[in-house]
Protein backbone atom coordinates (compact mmCIF):
# COMPACT_ATOMS: atom_id res chain seq x y z
CA UNK A 1 0.00 0.00 0.00
CA UNK A 2 1.70 3.26 -1.12
CA UNK A 3 2.05 5.85 1.63
CA UNK A 4 2.94 9.53 1.15
CA UNK A 5 3.57 12.53 3.34
CA UNK A 6 0.93 14.55 1.45
CA UNK A 7 -1.81 13.32 -0.87
CA UNK A 8 -3.50 15.94 -3.07
CA UNK A 9 -6.79 15.21 -4.83
CA UNK A 10 -6.96 17.45 -7.91
CA UNK A 11 -4.35 18.94 -10.23
CA UNK A 12 -5.67 22.51 -10.52
CA UNK A 13 -4.75 24.87 -7.70
CA UNK A 14 -3.91 21.76 -5.68
CA UNK A 15 -0.96 21.23 -8.00
CA UNK A 16 0.52 24.55 -6.87
CA UNK A 17 0.82 23.23 -3.31
CA UNK A 18 4.06 21.53 -4.29
CA UNK A 19 6.28 24.46 -3.31
CA UNK A 20 9.88 24.83 -2.15
CA UNK A 21 8.64 24.86 1.44
CA UNK A 22 7.41 21.29 0.91
CA UNK A 23 10.27 20.19 -1.34
CA UNK A 24 11.41 17.49 1.04
CA UNK A 25 7.97 15.92 1.41
CA UNK A 26 6.85 12.88 -0.54
CA UNK A 27 3.79 14.17 -2.42
CA UNK A 28 1.13 12.29 -4.39
CA UNK A 29 -1.23 14.02 -6.82
CA UNK A 30 -4.43 12.26 -7.86
CA UNK A 31 -6.27 13.41 -11.00
CA UNK A 32 -9.31 11.54 -12.28
CA UNK A 33 -10.42 13.98 -14.97
CA UNK A 34 -9.54 13.98 -18.67
CA UNK A 35 -7.19 16.96 -18.36
CA UNK A 36 -4.28 17.67 -16.05
CA UNK A 37 -4.12 21.17 -14.62
CA UNK A 38 -7.68 21.78 -13.52
CA UNK A 39 -10.69 23.67 -14.81
CA UNK A 40 -9.09 27.10 -15.24
CA UNK A 41 -6.31 25.97 -17.54
CA UNK A 42 -8.23 23.47 -19.64
CA UNK A 43 -11.93 24.35 -19.81
CA UNK A 44 -12.38 27.55 -17.80
CA UNK A 45 -10.82 30.94 -17.26
CA UNK A 46 -7.90 30.79 -19.65
CA UNK A 47 -9.39 29.31 -22.84
CA UNK A 48 -12.64 31.25 -22.44
CA UNK A 49 -10.79 34.56 -22.19
CA UNK A 50 -8.64 33.57 -25.17
CA UNK A 51 -11.89 33.13 -27.11
CA UNK A 52 -13.25 36.42 -25.76
CA UNK A 53 -10.41 38.43 -27.30
CA UNK A 54 -11.24 37.57 -30.95
CA UNK A 55 -14.93 37.99 -30.08
CA UNK A 56 -14.16 41.51 -28.82
CA UNK A 57 -12.29 42.29 -32.05
CA UNK A 58 -15.14 40.96 -34.17
CA UNK A 59 -17.68 43.03 -32.25
CA UNK A 60 -15.56 46.16 -32.65
CA UNK A 61 -15.24 45.59 -36.40
CA UNK A 62 -19.02 45.29 -36.69
CA UNK A 63 -19.74 48.48 -34.72
CA UNK A 64 -16.94 50.94 -35.52
CA UNK A 65 -19.27 53.13 -37.58
CA UNK A 66 -20.14 55.13 -34.45
CA UNK A 67 -16.51 56.30 -34.45
CA UNK A 68 -16.60 57.24 -38.12
CA UNK A 69 -14.63 54.18 -39.23
CA UNK A 70 -15.95 51.95 -42.00
CA UNK A 71 -15.08 48.40 -40.96
CA UNK A 72 -17.03 45.19 -41.24
CA UNK A 73 -16.91 41.75 -39.69
CA UNK A 74 -16.59 39.27 -42.53
CA UNK A 75 -16.56 36.01 -40.61
CA UNK A 76 -14.43 33.91 -38.29
CA UNK A 77 -12.10 31.00 -38.96
CA UNK A 78 -13.28 28.93 -35.99
CA UNK A 79 -10.79 26.06 -36.43
CA UNK A 80 -7.92 28.56 -36.57
CA UNK A 81 -9.12 30.33 -33.41
CA UNK A 82 -9.73 27.05 -31.59
CA UNK A 83 -6.42 25.49 -32.63
CA UNK A 84 -4.43 28.61 -31.73
CA UNK A 85 -5.90 28.48 -28.22
CA UNK A 86 -5.62 24.79 -27.50
CA UNK A 87 -2.35 24.56 -29.40
CA UNK A 88 -0.96 26.61 -26.54
CA UNK A 89 -2.98 25.16 -23.65
CA UNK A 90 -2.76 21.44 -24.39
CA UNK A 91 1.07 21.30 -24.41
CA UNK A 92 1.15 23.19 -21.10
CA UNK A 93 -1.23 20.65 -19.55
CA UNK A 94 0.73 17.74 -21.01
CA UNK A 95 4.09 19.06 -19.81
CA UNK A 96 2.66 19.71 -16.33
CA UNK A 97 1.43 16.14 -16.16
CA UNK A 98 4.77 14.79 -17.36
CA UNK A 99 6.61 16.90 -14.80
CA UNK A 100 4.56 15.51 -11.92
CA UNK A 101 4.78 11.95 -13.24
CA UNK A 102 8.55 12.04 -13.60
CA UNK A 103 9.45 14.61 -10.96
CA UNK A 104 11.47 13.86 -7.86
CA UNK A 105 9.46 13.11 -4.73
CA UNK A 106 6.14 13.35 -6.59
CA UNK A 107 3.86 10.50 -7.66
CA UNK A 108 0.98 10.96 -10.07
CA UNK A 109 -2.09 8.73 -9.92
CA UNK A 110 -4.39 9.12 -12.96
CA UNK A 111 -7.73 7.87 -11.75
CA UNK A 112 -10.80 8.69 -9.70
CA UNK A 113 -10.23 8.68 -5.93
CA UNK A 114 -12.60 7.92 -3.07
CA UNK A 115 -12.00 7.83 0.66
CA UNK A 116 -12.32 4.42 2.29
CA UNK A 117 -11.12 5.43 5.73
CA UNK A 118 -9.11 7.96 7.72
CA UNK A 119 -6.68 9.57 5.23
CA UNK A 120 -7.00 6.44 3.11
CA UNK A 121 -8.17 6.44 -0.50
CA UNK A 122 -8.76 3.96 -3.28
CA UNK A 123 -7.73 5.22 -6.71
CA UNK A 124 -9.27 3.54 -9.74
CA UNK A 125 -6.31 3.24 -12.10
CA UNK A 126 -6.55 1.73 -15.61
CA UNK A 127 -4.57 -1.29 -14.41
CA UNK A 128 -6.78 -1.73 -11.34
CA UNK A 129 -7.58 -0.07 -8.01
CA UNK A 130 -4.82 0.87 -5.58
CA UNK A 131 -5.14 2.03 -1.97
CA UNK A 132 -3.14 5.13 -1.10
CA UNK A 133 -2.62 6.65 2.35
CA UNK A 134 -1.11 9.90 3.54
CA UNK A 135 -0.06 11.73 6.67
CA UNK A 136 -1.94 14.75 5.29
CA UNK A 137 -4.60 14.84 2.55
CA UNK A 138 -5.71 17.92 0.62
CA UNK A 139 -9.06 17.83 -1.18
CA UNK A 140 -8.84 20.15 -4.19
CA UNK A 141 -11.23 18.28 -6.48
CA UNK A 142 -12.88 21.40 -7.91
CA UNK A 143 -16.40 21.57 -9.32
CA UNK A 144 -18.29 20.31 -12.35
CA UNK A 145 -21.12 21.46 -14.61
CA UNK A 146 -24.64 20.32 -13.73
CA UNK A 147 -27.62 19.58 -15.96
CA UNK A 148 -31.28 20.34 -15.21
CA UNK A 149 -33.37 17.16 -14.83
CA UNK A 150 -35.31 17.65 -18.08
CA UNK A 151 -32.10 17.96 -20.05
CA UNK A 152 -30.30 15.19 -18.19
CA UNK A 153 -33.20 12.85 -19.00
CA UNK A 154 -32.95 13.59 -22.72
CA UNK A 155 -30.99 11.37 -25.10
CA UNK A 156 -30.01 14.39 -27.22
CA UNK A 157 -26.32 15.25 -26.73
CA UNK A 158 -25.65 18.65 -25.17
CA UNK A 159 -22.54 20.60 -24.33
CA UNK A 160 -21.22 22.19 -21.16
CA UNK A 161 -18.30 24.58 -20.83
CA UNK A 162 -16.11 21.45 -20.76
CA UNK A 163 -16.80 20.65 -24.41
CA UNK A 164 -18.30 23.65 -26.21
CA UNK A 165 -14.96 25.30 -26.98
CA UNK A 166 -13.69 22.26 -28.88
CA UNK A 167 -16.50 22.11 -31.44
CA UNK A 168 -15.26 21.10 -34.90
CA UNK A 169 -17.08 24.02 -36.54
CA UNK A 170 -18.82 27.24 -35.58
CA UNK A 171 -22.53 26.41 -35.22
CA UNK A 172 -25.01 28.47 -37.20
CA UNK A 173 -27.53 28.34 -34.33
CA UNK A 174 -26.81 27.84 -30.62
CA UNK A 175 -29.15 27.57 -27.64
CA UNK A 176 -27.57 28.56 -24.33
CA UNK A 177 -29.47 27.48 -21.23
CA UNK A 178 -28.69 29.76 -18.28
CA UNK A 179 -28.20 33.40 -17.41
CA UNK A 180 -25.02 33.41 -15.33
CA UNK A 181 -21.43 34.31 -16.11
CA UNK A 182 -20.66 31.27 -18.30
CA UNK A 183 -23.81 31.81 -20.35
CA UNK A 184 -23.03 35.52 -20.73
CA UNK A 185 -19.45 34.93 -21.82
CA UNK A 186 -20.24 32.15 -24.27
CA UNK A 187 -23.12 34.14 -25.77
CA UNK A 188 -20.64 36.93 -26.46
CA UNK A 189 -18.06 34.56 -27.94
CA UNK A 190 -20.37 32.70 -30.30
CA UNK A 191 -22.68 35.61 -31.07
CA UNK A 192 -19.82 37.95 -31.99
CA UNK A 193 -18.18 35.32 -34.20
CA UNK A 194 -21.35 34.84 -36.25
CA UNK A 195 -23.60 32.30 -34.50
CA UNK A 196 -27.29 33.09 -33.99
CA UNK A 197 -27.60 32.75 -30.21
CA UNK A 198 -30.77 32.06 -28.25
CA UNK A 199 -30.62 32.35 -24.46
CA UNK A 200 -33.16 30.52 -22.29
CA UNK A 201 -33.01 32.09 -18.82
CA UNK A 202 -35.10 30.78 -15.95
CA UNK A 203 -35.09 34.13 -14.11
CA UNK A 204 -36.24 37.52 -15.29
CA UNK A 205 -32.82 38.51 -16.63
CA UNK A 206 -29.08 37.85 -16.67
CA UNK A 207 -26.51 38.19 -13.88
CA UNK A 208 -29.25 38.91 -11.34
CA UNK A 209 -26.90 38.85 -8.34
CA UNK A 210 -25.15 41.98 -9.61
CA UNK A 211 -25.97 45.63 -8.86
CA UNK A 212 -29.17 46.87 -10.50
CA UNK A 213 -27.52 49.19 -13.03
CA UNK A 214 -25.14 46.40 -14.02
CA UNK A 215 -27.64 43.64 -14.76
CA UNK A 216 -29.98 46.13 -16.45
CA UNK A 217 -27.18 47.15 -18.83
CA UNK A 218 -26.33 43.51 -19.54
CA UNK A 219 -30.00 42.67 -20.16
CA UNK A 220 -30.35 45.55 -22.61
CA UNK A 221 -27.21 44.58 -24.51
CA UNK A 222 -28.22 40.90 -24.53
CA UNK A 223 -31.70 41.66 -25.87
CA UNK A 224 -30.14 43.77 -28.62
CA UNK A 225 -27.50 41.22 -29.65
CA UNK A 226 -29.16 37.84 -29.04
CA UNK A 227 -32.57 36.20 -28.83
CA UNK A 228 -33.03 36.61 -25.07
CA UNK A 229 -35.91 34.63 -23.59
CA UNK A 230 -36.47 35.13 -19.86
CA UNK A 231 -38.72 33.36 -17.40
CA UNK A 232 -38.46 30.07 -19.28
CA UNK A 233 -37.00 26.61 -18.75
CA UNK A 234 -36.19 23.86 -21.24
CA UNK A 235 -38.77 21.12 -20.78
CA UNK A 236 -37.52 18.76 -23.46
CA UNK A 237 -35.08 18.20 -26.31
CA UNK A 238 -35.68 16.24 -29.52
CA UNK A 239 -33.52 15.58 -32.53
CA UNK A 240 -35.40 16.84 -35.59
CA UNK A 241 -34.60 16.87 -39.29
CA UNK A 242 -33.57 20.55 -39.14
CA UNK A 243 -31.65 20.30 -35.88
CA UNK A 244 -32.26 19.99 -32.16
CA UNK A 245 -35.75 21.15 -31.18
CA UNK A 246 -35.91 22.56 -27.64
CA UNK A 247 -39.31 22.90 -26.01
CA UNK A 248 -39.62 25.78 -23.55
CA UNK A 249 -41.94 26.16 -20.59
CA UNK A 250 -43.81 29.05 -22.21
CA UNK A 251 -45.01 26.72 -24.98
CA UNK A 252 -42.54 27.95 -27.61
CA UNK A 253 -39.81 25.96 -29.34
CA UNK A 254 -36.44 26.82 -30.79
CA UNK A 255 -34.47 24.80 -33.35
CA UNK A 256 -30.69 24.93 -33.13
CA UNK A 257 -27.58 23.06 -34.15
CA UNK A 258 -26.01 22.82 -30.68
CA UNK A 259 -27.10 23.25 -27.07
CA UNK A 260 -24.88 24.64 -24.32
CA UNK A 261 -26.06 24.09 -20.75
CA UNK A 262 -24.66 26.69 -18.35
CA UNK A 263 -26.93 26.63 -15.30
CA UNK A 264 -24.20 26.33 -12.69
CA UNK A 265 -21.45 24.17 -11.25
CA UNK A 266 -21.48 21.90 -8.20
CA UNK A 267 -18.56 20.92 -5.96
CA UNK A 268 -17.13 17.57 -6.99
CA UNK A 269 -17.74 15.69 -3.74
CA UNK A 270 -20.25 13.10 -4.97
CA UNK A 271 -18.50 9.76 -5.10
CA UNK A 272 -15.56 11.06 -3.07
CA UNK A 273 -16.51 9.00 -0.02
CA UNK A 274 -16.36 11.91 2.39
CA UNK A 275 -18.46 10.04 4.96
CA UNK A 276 -15.85 7.30 5.20
CA UNK A 277 -13.21 9.89 6.05
CA UNK A 278 -15.30 11.86 8.53
CA UNK A 279 -15.48 14.92 6.26
CA UNK A 280 -18.63 16.99 6.77
CA UNK A 281 -20.37 18.64 3.82
CA UNK A 282 -22.59 21.69 3.49
CA UNK A 283 -26.13 21.05 2.14
CA UNK A 284 -24.94 22.18 -1.33
CA UNK A 285 -22.16 19.58 -1.32
CA UNK A 286 -19.25 21.84 -0.41
CA UNK A 287 -16.65 20.53 2.02
CA UNK A 288 -16.88 22.19 5.43
CA UNK A 289 -13.61 23.93 6.33
CA UNK A 290 -12.47 26.29 9.05
CA UNK A 291 -10.66 29.55 8.41
CA UNK A 292 -7.35 27.75 7.91
CA UNK A 293 -8.61 25.19 5.39
CA UNK A 294 -8.97 22.27 7.82
CA UNK A 295 -11.90 19.91 7.30
CA UNK A 296 -13.71 18.08 10.08
CA UNK A 297 -11.37 15.11 9.57
CA UNK A 298 -8.00 15.21 11.29
CA UNK A 299 -5.17 15.79 8.84
CA UNK A 300 -7.49 16.51 5.88
CA UNK A 301 -7.56 19.96 4.28
CA UNK A 302 -9.58 21.44 1.41
CA UNK A 303 -9.30 24.40 -0.94
CA UNK A 304 -10.86 25.91 -4.05
CA UNK A 305 -14.23 25.23 -5.66
CA UNK A 306 -14.78 22.05 -3.67
CA UNK A 307 -15.21 24.10 -0.47
CA UNK A 308 -15.46 27.77 -1.40
CA UNK A 309 -18.74 29.60 -2.06
CA UNK A 310 -16.84 31.69 -4.64
CA UNK A 311 -15.85 29.48 -7.55
CA UNK A 312 -13.00 31.73 -8.67
CA UNK A 313 -9.45 30.82 -9.62
CA UNK A 314 -7.87 33.71 -7.74
CA UNK A 315 -9.69 32.56 -4.60
CA UNK A 316 -8.46 28.98 -5.07
CA UNK A 317 -4.91 30.25 -5.61
CA UNK A 318 -4.99 32.28 -2.39
CA UNK A 319 -6.33 29.29 -0.50
CA UNK A 320 -3.61 27.07 -1.99
CA UNK A 321 -0.95 29.48 -0.73
CA UNK A 322 -2.51 29.39 2.73
CA UNK A 323 -2.76 25.59 2.86
CA UNK A 324 0.80 25.19 1.56
CA UNK A 325 2.05 27.45 4.35
CA UNK A 326 -0.04 25.64 6.97
CA UNK A 327 1.24 22.24 5.87
CA UNK A 328 4.80 23.49 6.23
CA UNK A 329 4.19 25.48 9.43
CA UNK A 330 1.50 23.74 11.51
CA UNK A 331 2.30 25.95 14.53
CA UNK A 332 1.86 29.20 12.58
CA UNK A 333 -1.44 28.83 10.75
CA UNK A 334 -2.59 31.40 8.22
CA UNK A 335 -6.21 32.06 7.27
CA UNK A 336 -8.25 32.16 4.10
CA UNK A 337 -9.12 35.68 3.02
CA UNK A 338 -12.89 36.07 2.83
CA UNK A 339 -13.29 39.83 2.31
CA UNK A 340 -13.07 41.99 -0.80
CA UNK A 341 -13.36 39.05 -3.21
CA UNK A 342 -13.56 40.47 -6.76
CA UNK A 343 -15.03 38.89 -9.86
CA UNK A 344 -15.41 39.73 -13.53
CA UNK A 345 -17.61 38.56 -16.39
CA UNK A 346 -15.95 38.85 -19.79
CA UNK A 347 -19.10 39.31 -21.79
CA UNK A 348 -20.17 42.35 -23.80
CA UNK A 349 -20.37 44.70 -21.99
CA UNK A 350 -17.71 43.55 -19.55
CA UNK A 351 -18.69 43.37 -15.86
CA UNK A 352 -16.61 43.57 -12.67
CA UNK A 353 -17.60 43.67 -9.02
CA UNK A 354 -16.22 43.57 -5.50
CA UNK A 355 -17.99 43.77 -2.16
CA UNK A 356 -21.64 44.41 -1.37
CA UNK A 357 -24.44 45.49 -3.63
CA UNK A 358 -26.72 48.28 -2.44
CA UNK A 359 -29.34 45.77 -1.30
CA UNK A 360 -26.78 43.69 0.60
CA UNK A 361 -25.37 46.76 2.35
CA UNK A 362 -28.84 47.89 3.39
CA UNK A 363 -29.66 44.42 4.67
CA UNK A 364 -26.42 44.43 6.68
CA UNK A 365 -27.56 47.60 8.45
CA UNK A 366 -25.20 50.16 6.91
CA UNK A 367 -26.13 53.81 6.46
CA UNK A 368 -25.90 53.34 2.72
CA UNK A 369 -24.79 55.99 0.27
CA UNK A 370 -24.13 55.32 -3.40
CA UNK A 371 -22.84 57.12 -6.46
CA UNK A 372 -23.19 56.29 -10.15
CA UNK A 373 -20.44 57.48 -12.48
CA UNK A 374 -21.07 57.24 -16.21
CA UNK A 375 -18.11 56.38 -18.42
CA UNK A 376 -19.47 58.96 -20.86
CA UNK A 377 -18.87 61.77 -18.35
CA UNK A 378 -15.09 61.31 -18.60
CA UNK A 379 -12.79 62.40 -21.39
CA UNK A 380 -11.99 58.86 -22.52
CA UNK A 381 -15.67 58.06 -22.37
CA UNK A 382 -16.18 60.84 -24.91
CA UNK A 383 -13.61 59.15 -27.15
CA UNK A 384 -15.53 55.88 -26.85
CA UNK A 385 -18.86 57.57 -27.60
CA UNK A 386 -20.09 55.61 -24.61
CA UNK A 387 -23.66 56.06 -23.43
CA UNK A 388 -24.34 52.87 -21.44
CA UNK A 389 -21.31 52.07 -19.25
CA UNK A 390 -21.10 53.05 -15.60
CA UNK A 391 -19.44 52.54 -12.26
CA UNK A 392 -21.56 52.20 -9.11
CA UNK A 393 -19.94 52.68 -5.71
CA UNK A 394 -21.63 51.72 -2.45
CA UNK A 395 -20.40 53.20 0.83
CA UNK A 396 -21.25 53.86 4.46
CA UNK A 397 -22.24 57.50 5.01
CA UNK A 398 -20.98 57.73 8.60
CA UNK A 399 -17.70 55.82 8.41
CA UNK A 400 -16.64 56.71 4.88
CA UNK A 401 -15.95 53.05 4.13
CA UNK A 402 -16.21 51.71 0.59
CA UNK A 403 -18.53 48.70 0.79
CA UNK A 404 -18.78 47.72 -2.87
CA UNK A 405 -17.82 48.63 -6.42
CA UNK A 406 -19.69 47.52 -9.53
CA UNK A 407 -18.75 48.31 -13.13
CA UNK A 408 -20.24 47.52 -16.49
CA UNK A 409 -18.40 48.65 -19.59
CA UNK A 410 -15.05 48.48 -21.44
CA UNK A 411 -12.11 47.28 -19.34
CA UNK A 412 -14.27 46.97 -16.22
CA UNK A 413 -12.00 44.20 -14.90
CA UNK A 414 -9.00 46.57 -15.05
CA UNK A 415 -10.62 49.82 -13.90
CA UNK A 416 -11.93 48.16 -10.73
CA UNK A 417 -8.47 47.22 -9.42
CA UNK A 418 -7.77 50.48 -7.50
CA UNK A 419 -11.14 50.03 -5.81
CA UNK A 420 -10.30 46.43 -4.88
CA UNK A 421 -6.99 47.67 -3.48
CA UNK A 422 -8.71 50.35 -1.41
CA UNK A 423 -11.12 47.84 0.11
CA UNK A 424 -8.46 45.17 0.68
CA UNK A 425 -5.90 47.46 2.32
CA UNK A 426 -8.39 49.66 4.16
CA UNK A 427 -7.06 52.80 2.49
CA UNK A 428 -9.29 55.84 3.23
CA UNK A 429 -11.14 56.96 0.12
CA UNK A 430 -9.87 60.50 0.60
CA UNK A 431 -6.31 59.18 0.27
CA UNK A 432 -7.18 57.01 -2.73
CA UNK A 433 -8.75 59.98 -4.51
CA UNK A 434 -6.15 62.64 -3.78
CA UNK A 435 -3.13 60.82 -2.35
CA UNK A 436 -1.92 59.85 -5.82
CA UNK A 437 -1.94 61.06 -9.42
CA UNK A 438 -4.57 59.68 -11.77
CA UNK A 439 -3.40 59.75 -15.39
CA UNK A 440 -5.47 62.12 -17.49
CA UNK A 441 -7.34 61.31 -19.68
CA UNK A 442 -7.08 57.58 -19.00
CA UNK A 443 -10.22 55.47 -18.53
CA UNK A 444 -9.27 54.98 -14.85
CA UNK A 445 -10.70 58.45 -14.29
CA UNK A 446 -14.02 56.64 -14.15
CA UNK A 447 -12.91 55.20 -10.79
CA UNK A 448 -11.40 58.51 -9.62
CA UNK A 449 -14.55 60.49 -10.39
CA UNK A 450 -16.74 57.82 -8.83
CA UNK A 451 -14.76 58.04 -5.58
CA UNK A 452 -14.99 61.84 -5.56
CA UNK A 453 -18.72 61.65 -6.22
CA UNK A 454 -19.23 59.14 -3.41
CA UNK A 455 -17.24 61.26 -0.98
CA UNK A 456 -19.52 64.20 -1.67
CA UNK A 457 -22.41 62.09 -0.40
CA UNK A 458 -20.64 61.22 2.85
CA UNK A 459 -21.06 62.94 6.21
CA UNK A 460 -19.17 66.26 6.41
CA UNK A 461 -16.46 64.85 8.70
CA UNK A 462 -15.55 62.45 5.87
CA UNK A 463 -15.90 64.67 2.80
CA UNK A 464 -14.26 67.72 4.40
CA UNK A 465 -11.06 65.75 4.99
CA UNK A 466 -10.55 65.54 1.22
CA UNK A 467 -7.17 67.09 0.32
CA UNK A 468 -7.23 69.95 -2.14
């Protein structure tokens, strides 16, 4: 029975645990999925954003007339785009797998793992099951796409984000089921490259957990660019002569060439045998951890999507750094960071957010003040001829604290960074606004002007401390 100092389940952010601080430990990595390197590298953040870039260029080419430039979008070479992206990603994944297989003091097990006892796992390898034990075990199994029951019961093949980016050809018609960030990003990618996109959204709009101005702007853009159908669910799928026929709960149907299901992702704990190891789970399937990443089982840790309510790569990376430190320094434990967690949606228009929405701040009992800054009220916004993009800041009137920042528009994921920094480091907004130069007329003036506008809404003891 192989025994290791550390056993890691998952090769995404779990793979980054193998640091110099643990160089002398005997480490095993278990990966049961088709790709080495995790969701972000293979089927998530990185390839999707590499598809977003050509989609952005195509959208610009189709709409440059507002700037007085006569350009057109004349079509996309999907195989060339796809092969450029995975021609870079696949070798990285393969070399990472080879490095762990052949590396010193690391052992790679390529098979599904399940706990059978305390820090004891059975791994289903192609040549047969093997039991593996460890002094410490880290569960970093990630999450997986889920299917609604009506679609899961259908015999018609559908895609998730795991497979849609490797299509052999650009579909003429695509149905996307869902209204979250994956649905929004993939609608932008395929719609901008020439596919006729239909979105079937169960709720009354897209990205509903975002600030009001943000999801309203996304809804308006989606309705203009795609066939947006809200308040509907897919009740059945059939393969017809002209394509896949999807029946919707409002009695309508839509015929498409491909179906992408993007209704959410669940932590990959089913079949992991957590009960056998004494690992408690939340009702939604997430592993229960304390602030240091320890599970309810002695010597078992967890990180990333398998335990975090925020399924974000930068969160998983931070948690991996914490767990790596704690494994190396058990008497000096560090904690997961739970505040000021930012996110971005690379759709069109781009979305970025950090902290509370207005509704959340009110519910938490803050004396809420907010300010809305239009991109179009800045000099670079004039250059963009922008009429729809904005930055919404949420603060506490009495304390002057920034509680949340929400942007929708070009480069939202970049412009928000000074606001993330202010919240993370606790820098007073007066210092952020006037304690540094802001390049004029850069688009970051959207953030500067938003801060100044918010400060004007604060109590006098806050706003009067603003340097001249």
